[in-house]
Amino acid sequence: MTLEAKLAATREGVGKRIPVDLQAIMHDATTRLRGSGILNRVIKPGAKAPDFALNDQNGQMVSLSALLTAGPVVVGIFRGFW
């Protein structure tokens, strides 16, 4: 299955699980974000990420540059409520 097919299946599944009124809020927020020009400022695939520092899972400040000294880094972003 191609990535595009997987994404289409995910979109279809979301459409069945999320109430229509909440979908409308999400679509409106996406439209406003796209209209803000944010896509012109995102890092493009293959580009070097700027250095940044965030707290790790233990609350300790960690910078990208420090992590890169040990090798390649994968950054995962998790949105949601815990």
PDB file of N, CA and C in Angstrom:
ATOM      1  N   MET A   1       0.854  -1.180   0.000  1.00  0.00           N
ATOM      2  CA  MET A   1       0.000   0.000   0.000  1.00  0.00           C
ATOM      3  C   MET A   1       0.896   1.239   0.000  1.00  0.00           C
ATOM      4  N   THR A   2       0.602   2.178  -0.860  1.00  0.00           N
ATOM      5  CA  THR A   2       1.394   3.400  -0.933  1.00  0.00           C
ATOM      6  C   THR A   2       1.080   4.316   0.238  1.00  0.00           C
ATOM      7  N   LEU A   3       1.968   5.265   0.487  1.00  0.00           N
ATOM      8  CA  LEU A   3       1.729   6.245   1.547  1.00  0.00           C
ATOM      9  C   LEU A   3       0.436   7.012   1.284  1.00  0.00           C
ATOM     10  N   GLU A   4       0.212   7.408   0.035  1.00  0.00           N
ATOM     11  CA  GLU A   4      -1.001   8.163  -0.291  1.00  0.00           C
ATOM     12  C   GLU A   4      -2.254   7.343  -0.006  1.00  0.00           C
ATOM     13  N   ALA A   5      -2.198   6.052  -0.299  1.00  0.00           N
ATOM     14  CA  ALA A   5      -3.337   5.177  -0.018  1.00  0.00           C
ATOM     15  C   ALA A   5      -3.559   5.045   1.494  1.00  0.00           C
ATOM     16  N   LYS A   6      -2.475   4.930   2.242  1.00  0.00           N
ATOM     17  CA  LYS A   6      -2.588   4.848   3.703  1.00  0.00           C
ATOM     18  C   LYS A   6      -3.179   6.135   4.274  1.00  0.00           C
ATOM     19  N   LEU A   7      -2.726   7.288   3.770  1.00  0.00           N
ATOM     20  CA  LEU A   7      -3.258   8.561   4.245  1.00  0.00           C
ATOM     21  C   LEU A   7      -4.743   8.706   3.912  1.00  0.00           C
ATOM     22  N   ALA A   8      -5.125   8.267   2.708  1.00  0.00           N
ATOM     23  CA  ALA A   8      -6.537   8.329   2.310  1.00  0.00           C
ATOM     24  C   ALA A   8      -7.386   7.449   3.226  1.00  0.00           C
ATOM     25  N   ALA A   9      -6.887   6.267   3.558  1.00  0.00           N
ATOM     26  CA  ALA A   9      -7.615   5.370   4.457  1.00  0.00           C
ATOM     27  C   ALA A   9      -7.728   5.974   5.855  1.00  0.00           C
ATOM     28  N   THR A  10      -6.665   6.623   6.308  1.00  0.00           N
ATOM     29  CA  THR A  10      -6.698   7.285   7.619  1.00  0.00           C
ATOM     30  C   THR A  10      -7.722   8.407   7.619  1.00  0.00           C
ATOM     31  N   ARG A  11      -7.724   9.231   6.572  1.00  0.00           N
ATOM     32  CA  ARG A  11      -8.705  10.328   6.478  1.00  0.00           C
ATOM     33  C   ARG A  11     -10.133   9.788   6.489  1.00  0.00           C
ATOM     34  N   GLU A  12     -10.356   8.705   5.767  1.00  0.00           N
ATOM     35  CA  GLU A  12     -11.690   8.114   5.729  1.00  0.00           C
ATOM     36  C   GLU A  12     -12.098   7.600   7.111  1.00  0.00           C
ATOM     37  N   GLY A  13     -11.169   6.952   7.798  1.00  0.00           N
ATOM     38  CA  GLY A  13     -11.456   6.444   9.133  1.00  0.00           C
ATOM     39  C   GLY A  13     -11.754   7.549  10.125  1.00  0.00           C
ATOM     40  N   VAL A  14     -11.001   8.639  10.029  1.00  0.00           N
ATOM     41  CA  VAL A  14     -11.223   9.785  10.920  1.00  0.00           C
ATOM     42  C   VAL A  14     -12.613  10.359  10.679  1.00  0.00           C
ATOM     43  N   GLY A  15     -13.008  10.414   9.418  1.00  0.00           N
ATOM     44  CA  GLY A  15     -14.326  10.945   9.077  1.00  0.00           C
ATOM     45  C   GLY A  15     -15.459  10.158   9.697  1.00  0.00           C
ATOM     46  N   LYS A  16     -15.212   8.899   9.986  1.00  0.00           N
ATOM     47  CA  LYS A  16     -16.241   8.043  10.590  1.00  0.00           C
ATOM     48  C   LYS A  16     -16.229   8.118  12.116  1.00  0.00           C
ATOM     49  N   ARG A  17     -15.080   8.493  12.709  1.00  0.00           N
ATOM     50  CA  ARG A  17     -14.946   8.475  14.171  1.00  0.00           C
ATOM     51  C   ARG A  17     -15.158   9.836  14.829  1.00  0.00           C
ATOM     52  N   ILE A  18     -14.869  10.911  14.113  1.00  0.00           N
ATOM     53  CA  ILE A  18     -14.951  12.248  14.713  1.00  0.00           C
ATOM     54  C   ILE A  18     -16.269  12.902  14.314  1.00  0.00           C
ATOM     55  N   PRO A  19     -17.015  13.427  15.277  1.00  0.00           N
ATOM     56  CA  PRO A  19     -18.285  14.083  14.967  1.00  0.00           C
ATOM     57  C   PRO A  19     -18.102  15.221  13.953  1.00  0.00           C
ATOM     58  N   VAL A  20     -19.113  15.427  13.132  1.00  0.00           N
ATOM     59  CA  VAL A  20     -19.064  16.411  12.051  1.00  0.00           C
ATOM     60  C   VAL A  20     -18.740  17.813  12.574  1.00  0.00           C
ATOM     61  N   ASP A  21     -19.312  18.210  13.721  1.00  0.00           N
ATOM     62  CA  ASP A  21     -19.054  19.556  14.231  1.00  0.00           C
ATOM     63  C   ASP A  21     -17.580  19.726  14.616  1.00  0.00           C
ATOM     64  N   LEU A  22     -16.969  18.689  15.159  1.00  0.00           N
ATOM     65  CA  LEU A  22     -15.551  18.769  15.496  1.00  0.00           C
ATOM     66  C   LEU A  22     -14.683  18.751  14.235  1.00  0.00           C
ATOM     67  N   GLN A  23     -15.097  17.993  13.230  1.00  0.00           N
ATOM     68  CA  GLN A  23     -14.371  17.997  11.963  1.00  0.00           C
ATOM     69  C   GLN A  23     -14.374  19.401  11.361  1.00  0.00           C
ATOM     70  N   ALA A  24     -15.503  20.096  11.462  1.00  0.00           N
ATOM     71  CA  ALA A  24     -15.598  21.454  10.913  1.00  0.00           C
ATOM     72  C   ALA A  24     -14.622  22.386  11.625  1.00  0.00           C
ATOM     73  N   ILE A  25     -14.481  22.250  12.936  1.00  0.00           N
ATOM     74  CA  ILE A  25     -13.545  23.073  13.699  1.00  0.00           C
ATOM     75  C   ILE A  25     -12.111  22.769  13.251  1.00  0.00           C
ATOM     76  N   MET A  26     -11.800  21.499  13.083  1.00  0.00           N
ATOM     77  CA  MET A  26     -10.457  21.108  12.666  1.00  0.00           C
ATOM     78  C   MET A  26     -10.148  21.618  11.258  1.00  0.00           C
ATOM     79  N   HIS A  27     -11.094  21.487  10.357  1.00  0.00           N
ATOM     80  CA  HIS A  27     -10.884  21.959   8.983  1.00  0.00           C
ATOM     81  C   HIS A  27     -10.717  23.482   8.951  1.00  0.00           C
ATOM     82  N   ASP A  28     -11.504  24.181   9.770  1.00  0.00           N
ATOM     83  CA  ASP A  28     -11.377  25.644   9.833  1.00  0.00           C
ATOM     84  C   ASP A  28     -10.000  26.047  10.348  1.00  0.00           C
ATOM     85  N   ALA A  29      -9.527  25.366  11.382  1.00  0.00           N
ATOM     86  CA  ALA A  29      -8.201  25.674  11.928  1.00  0.00           C
ATOM     87  C   ALA A  29      -7.115  25.404  10.893  1.00  0.00           C
ATOM     88  N   THR A  30      -7.245  24.314  10.144  1.00  0.00           N
ATOM     89  CA  THR A  30      -6.268  23.996   9.098  1.00  0.00           C
ATOM     90  C   THR A  30      -6.280  25.051   8.004  1.00  0.00           C
ATOM     91  N   THR A  31      -7.458  25.480   7.598  1.00  0.00           N
ATOM     92  CA  THR A  31      -7.585  26.514   6.567  1.00  0.00           C
ATOM     93  C   THR A  31      -6.945  27.821   7.027  1.00  0.00           C
ATOM     94  N   ARG A  32      -7.185  28.189   8.292  1.00  0.00           N
ATOM     95  CA  ARG A  32      -6.594  29.424   8.817  1.00  0.00           C
ATOM     96  C   ARG A  32      -5.078  29.323   8.894  1.00  0.00           C
ATOM     97  N   LEU A  33      -4.562  28.165   9.300  1.00  0.00           N
ATOM     98  CA  LEU A  33      -3.107  27.982   9.356  1.00  0.00           C
ATOM     99  C   LEU A  33      -2.490  28.105   7.965  1.00  0.00           C
ATOM    100  N   ARG A  34      -3.089  27.436   6.991  1.00  0.00           N
ATOM    101  CA  ARG A  34      -2.569  27.520   5.622  1.00  0.00           C
ATOM    102  C   ARG A  34      -2.623  28.952   5.111  1.00  0.00           C
ATOM    103  N   GLY A  35      -3.692  29.670   5.430  1.00  0.00           N
ATOM    104  CA  GLY A  35      -3.836  31.060   5.007  1.00  0.00           C
ATOM    105  C   GLY A  35      -2.848  31.998   5.682  1.00  0.00           C
ATOM    106  N   SER A  36      -2.294  31.575   6.807  1.00  0.00           N
ATOM    107  CA  SER A  36      -1.353  32.424   7.544  1.00  0.00           C
ATOM    108  C   SER A  36       0.020  32.492   6.876  1.00  0.00           C
ATOM    109  N   GLY A  37       0.268  31.606   5.907  1.00  0.00           N
ATOM    110  CA  GLY A  37       1.578  31.566   5.266  1.00  0.00           C
ATOM    111  C   GLY A  37       2.562  30.654   5.977  1.00  0.00           C
ATOM    112  N   ILE A  38       2.097  29.888   6.938  1.00  0.00           N
ATOM    113  CA  ILE A  38       2.982  29.033   7.725  1.00  0.00           C
ATOM    114  C   ILE A  38       3.733  28.020   6.861  1.00  0.00           C
ATOM    115  N   LEU A  39       3.094  27.574   5.776  1.00  0.00           N
ATOM    116  CA  LEU A  39       3.752  26.574   4.924  1.00  0.00           C
ATOM    117  C   LEU A  39       4.975  27.137   4.216  1.00  0.00           C
ATOM    118  N   ASN A  40       5.051  28.454   4.095  1.00  0.00           N
ATOM    119  CA  ASN A  40       6.225  29.079   3.478  1.00  0.00           C
ATOM    120  C   ASN A  40       7.414  29.123   4.437  1.00  0.00           C
ATOM    121  N   ARG A  41       7.165  28.855   5.724  1.00  0.00           N
ATOM    122  CA  ARG A  41       8.222  28.949   6.726  1.00  0.00           C
ATOM    123  C   ARG A  41       8.663  27.607   7.293  1.00  0.00           C
ATOM    124  N   VAL A  42       8.044  26.513   6.851  1.00  0.00           N
ATOM    125  CA  VAL A  42       8.428  25.201   7.392  1.00  0.00           C
ATOM    126  C   VAL A  42       9.757  24.751   6.806  1.00  0.00           C
ATOM    127  N   ILE A  43      10.437  23.912   7.550  1.00  0.00           N
ATOM    128  CA  ILE A  43      11.706  23.355   7.083  1.00  0.00           C
ATOM    129  C   ILE A  43      11.391  22.339   5.989  1.00  0.00           C
ATOM    130  N   LYS A  44      12.063  22.462   4.890  1.00  0.00           N
ATOM    131  CA  LYS A  44      11.836  21.567   3.752  1.00  0.00           C
ATOM    132  C   LYS A  44      12.578  20.248   3.962  1.00  0.00           C
ATOM    133  N   PRO A  45      12.060  19.160   3.366  1.00  0.00           N
ATOM    134  CA  PRO A  45      12.751  17.871   3.488  1.00  0.00           C
ATOM    135  C   PRO A  45      14.197  17.978   3.027  1.00  0.00           C
ATOM    136  N   GLY A  46      15.093  17.421   3.826  1.00  0.00           N
ATOM    137  CA  GLY A  46      16.512  17.436   3.498  1.00  0.00           C
ATOM    138  C   GLY A  46      17.259  18.653   4.013  1.00  0.00           C
ATOM    139  N   ALA A  47      16.530  19.659   4.494  1.00  0.00           N
ATOM    140  CA  ALA A  47      17.179  20.866   5.015  1.00  0.00           C
ATOM    141  C   ALA A  47      17.722  20.602   6.422  1.00  0.00           C
ATOM    142  N   LYS A  48      18.751  21.345   6.796  1.00  0.00           N
ATOM    143  CA  LYS A  48      19.322  21.226   8.131  1.00  0.00           C
ATOM    144  C   LYS A  48      18.417  21.954   9.127  1.00  0.00           C
ATOM    145  N   ALA A  49      18.055  21.268  10.192  1.00  0.00           N
ATOM    146  CA  ALA A  49      17.205  21.871  11.225  1.00  0.00           C
ATOM    147  C   ALA A  49      18.012  22.866  12.048  1.00  0.00           C
ATOM    148  N   PRO A  50      17.397  23.974  12.445  1.00  0.00           N
ATOM    149  CA  PRO A  50      18.102  24.901  13.339  1.00  0.00           C
ATOM    150  C   PRO A  50      18.262  24.265  14.719  1.00  0.00           C
ATOM    151  N   ASP A  51      19.286  24.670  15.429  1.00  0.00           N
ATOM    152  CA  ASP A  51      19.476  24.127  16.778  1.00  0.00           C
ATOM    153  C   ASP A  51      18.352  24.634  17.679  1.00  0.00           C
ATOM    154  N   PHE A  52      17.910  23.788  18.578  1.00  0.00           N
ATOM    155  CA  PHE A  52      16.891  24.162  19.558  1.00  0.00           C
ATOM    156  C   PHE A  52      17.112  23.329  20.805  1.00  0.00           C
ATOM    157  N   ALA A  53      16.487  23.734  21.887  1.00  0.00           N
ATOM    158  CA  ALA A  53      16.585  22.995  23.145  1.00  0.00           C
ATOM    159  C   ALA A  53      15.184  22.825  23.720  1.00  0.00           C
ATOM    160  N   LEU A  54      14.911  21.634  24.203  1.00  0.00           N
ATOM    161  CA  LEU A  54      13.630  21.300  24.821  1.00  0.00           C
ATOM    162  C   LEU A  54      13.881  20.406  26.028  1.00  0.00           C
ATOM    163  N   ASN A  55      12.891  20.309  26.888  1.00  0.00           N
ATOM    164  CA  ASN A  55      12.986  19.387  28.018  1.00  0.00           C
ATOM    165  C   ASN A  55      12.745  17.968  27.527  1.00  0.00           C
ATOM    166  N   ASP A  56      13.554  17.027  28.043  1.00  0.00           N
ATOM    167  CA  ASP A  56      13.329  15.631  27.702  1.00  0.00           C
ATOM    168  C   ASP A  56      12.261  15.045  28.624  1.00  0.00           C
ATOM    169  N   GLN A  57      12.048  13.743  28.545  1.00  0.00           N
ATOM    170  CA  GLN A  57      11.008  13.087  29.335  1.00  0.00           C
ATOM    171  C   GLN A  57      11.254  13.179  30.831  1.00  0.00           C
ATOM    172  N   ASN A  58      12.483  13.527  31.236  1.00  0.00           N
ATOM    173  CA  ASN A  58      12.821  13.663  32.654  1.00  0.00           C
ATOM    174  C   ASN A  58      12.874  15.115  33.099  1.00  0.00           C
ATOM    175  N   GLY A  59      12.502  16.030  32.195  1.00  0.00           N
ATOM    176  CA  GLY A  59      12.506  17.443  32.541  1.00  0.00           C
ATOM    177  C   GLY A  59      13.858  18.118  32.379  1.00  0.00           C
ATOM    178  N   GLN A  60      14.846  17.400  31.830  1.00  0.00           N
ATOM    179  CA  GLN A  60      16.179  17.966  31.638  1.00  0.00           C
ATOM    180  C   GLN A  60      16.265  18.644  30.271  1.00  0.00           C
ATOM    181  N   MET A  61      16.884  19.824  30.227  1.00  0.00           N
ATOM    182  CA  MET A  61      17.042  20.550  28.972  1.00  0.00           C
ATOM    183  C   MET A  61      18.049  19.831  28.084  1.00  0.00           C
ATOM    184  N   VAL A  62      17.660  19.556  26.849  1.00  0.00           N
ATOM    185  CA  VAL A  62      18.516  18.865  25.881  1.00  0.00           C
ATOM    186  C   VAL A  62      18.473  19.649  24.579  1.00  0.00           C
ATOM    187  N   SER A  63      19.644  19.872  23.977  1.00  0.00           N
ATOM    188  CA  SER A  63      19.690  20.594  22.699  1.00  0.00           C
ATOM    189  C   SER A  63      19.879  19.618  21.547  1.00  0.00           C
ATOM    190  N   LEU A  64      19.409  20.010  20.385  1.00  0.00           N
ATOM    191  CA  LEU A  64      19.595  19.188  19.196  1.00  0.00           C
ATOM    192  C   LEU A  64      21.082  18.991  18.917  1.00  0.00           C
ATOM    193  N   SER A  65      21.857  20.067  19.037  1.00  0.00           N
ATOM    194  CA  SER A  65      23.290  19.957  18.743  1.00  0.00           C
ATOM    195  C   SER A  65      23.973  18.954  19.670  1.00  0.00           C
ATOM    196  N   ALA A  66      23.576  18.892  20.933  1.00  0.00           N
ATOM    197  CA  ALA A  66      24.173  17.929  21.863  1.00  0.00           C
ATOM    198  C   ALA A  66      23.799  16.501  21.475  1.00  0.00           C
ATOM    199  N   LEU A  67      22.556  16.298  21.092  1.00  0.00           N
ATOM    200  CA  LEU A  67      22.130  14.961  20.682  1.00  0.00           C
ATOM    201  C   LEU A  67      22.829  14.512  19.414  1.00  0.00           C
ATOM    202  N   LEU A  68      23.082  15.441  18.494  1.00  0.00           N
ATOM    203  CA  LEU A  68      23.724  15.098  17.223  1.00  0.00           C
ATOM    204  C   LEU A  68      25.165  14.623  17.395  1.00  0.00           C
ATOM    205  N   THR A  69      25.783  14.933  18.524  1.00  0.00           N
ATOM    206  CA  THR A  69      27.155  14.456  18.747  1.00  0.00           C
ATOM    207  C   THR A  69      27.200  12.932  18.847  1.00  0.00           C
ATOM    208  N   ALA A  70      26.066  12.313  19.193  1.00  0.00           N
ATOM    209  CA  ALA A  70      25.999  10.859  19.318  1.00  0.00           C
ATOM    210  C   ALA A  70      25.523  10.188  18.024  1.00  0.00           C
ATOM    211  N   GLY A  71      25.121  10.981  17.026  1.00  0.00           N
ATOM    212  CA  GLY A  71      24.651  10.408  15.766  1.00  0.00           C
ATOM    213  C   GLY A  71      23.358  11.048  15.313  1.00  0.00           C
ATOM    214  N   PRO A  72      22.723  10.475  14.275  1.00  0.00           N
ATOM    215  CA  PRO A  72      21.478  11.039  13.742  1.00  0.00           C
ATOM    216  C   PRO A  72      20.382  11.099  14.805  1.00  0.00           C
ATOM    217  N   VAL A  73      19.467  12.045  14.634  1.00  0.00           N
ATOM    218  CA  VAL A  73      18.388  12.269  15.597  1.00  0.00           C
ATOM    219  C   VAL A  73      17.049  12.227  14.871  1.00  0.00           C
ATOM    220  N   VAL A  74      16.086  11.569  15.478  1.00  0.00           N
ATOM    221  CA  VAL A  74      14.701  11.586  14.996  1.00  0.00           C
ATOM    222  C   VAL A  74      13.900  12.364  16.028  1.00  0.00           C
ATOM    223  N   VAL A  75      13.163  13.369  15.583  1.00  0.00           N
ATOM    224  CA  VAL A  75      12.340  14.175  16.480  1.00  0.00           C
ATOM    225  C   VAL A  75      10.883  13.785  16.268  1.00  0.00           C
ATOM    226  N   GLY A  76      10.218  13.400  17.316  1.00  0.00           N
ATOM    227  CA  GLY A  76       8.789  13.073  17.248  1.00  0.00           C
ATOM    228  C   GLY A  76       7.989  14.156  17.954  1.00  0.00           C
ATOM    229  N   ILE A  77       6.929  14.585  17.325  1.00  0.00           N
ATOM    230  CA  ILE A  77       6.047  15.613  17.894  1.00  0.00           C
ATOM    231  C   ILE A  77       4.722  14.950  18.233  1.00  0.00           C
ATOM    232  N   PHE A  78       4.310  15.065  19.449  1.00  0.00           N
ATOM    233  CA  PHE A  78       3.045  14.489  19.887  1.00  0.00           C
ATOM    234  C   PHE A  78       2.098  15.598  20.307  1.00  0.00           C
ATOM    235  N   ARG A  79       0.968  15.694  19.620  1.00  0.00           N
ATOM    236  CA  ARG A  79      -0.057  16.665  19.972  1.00  0.00           C
ATOM    237  C   ARG A  79      -1.182  15.924  20.658  1.00  0.00           C
ATOM    238  N   GLY A  80      -1.765  16.554  21.627  1.00  0.00           N
ATOM    239  CA  GLY A  80      -2.901  15.930  22.244  1.00  0.00           C
ATOM    240  C   GLY A  80      -2.984  16.213  23.723  1.00  0.00           C
ATOM    241  N   PHE A  81      -3.893  15.519  24.357  1.00  0.00           N
ATOM    242  CA  PHE A  81      -4.120  15.705  25.775  1.00  0.00           C
ATOM    243  C   PHE A  81      -3.666  14.454  26.512  1.00  0.00           C
ATOM    244  N   TRP A  82      -3.000  14.640  27.593  1.00  0.00           N
ATOM    245  CA  TRP A  82      -2.545  13.526  28.409  1.00  0.00           C
ATOM    246  C   TRP A  82      -3.356  13.513  29.667  1.00  0.00           C
TER     247      TRP A  82
END
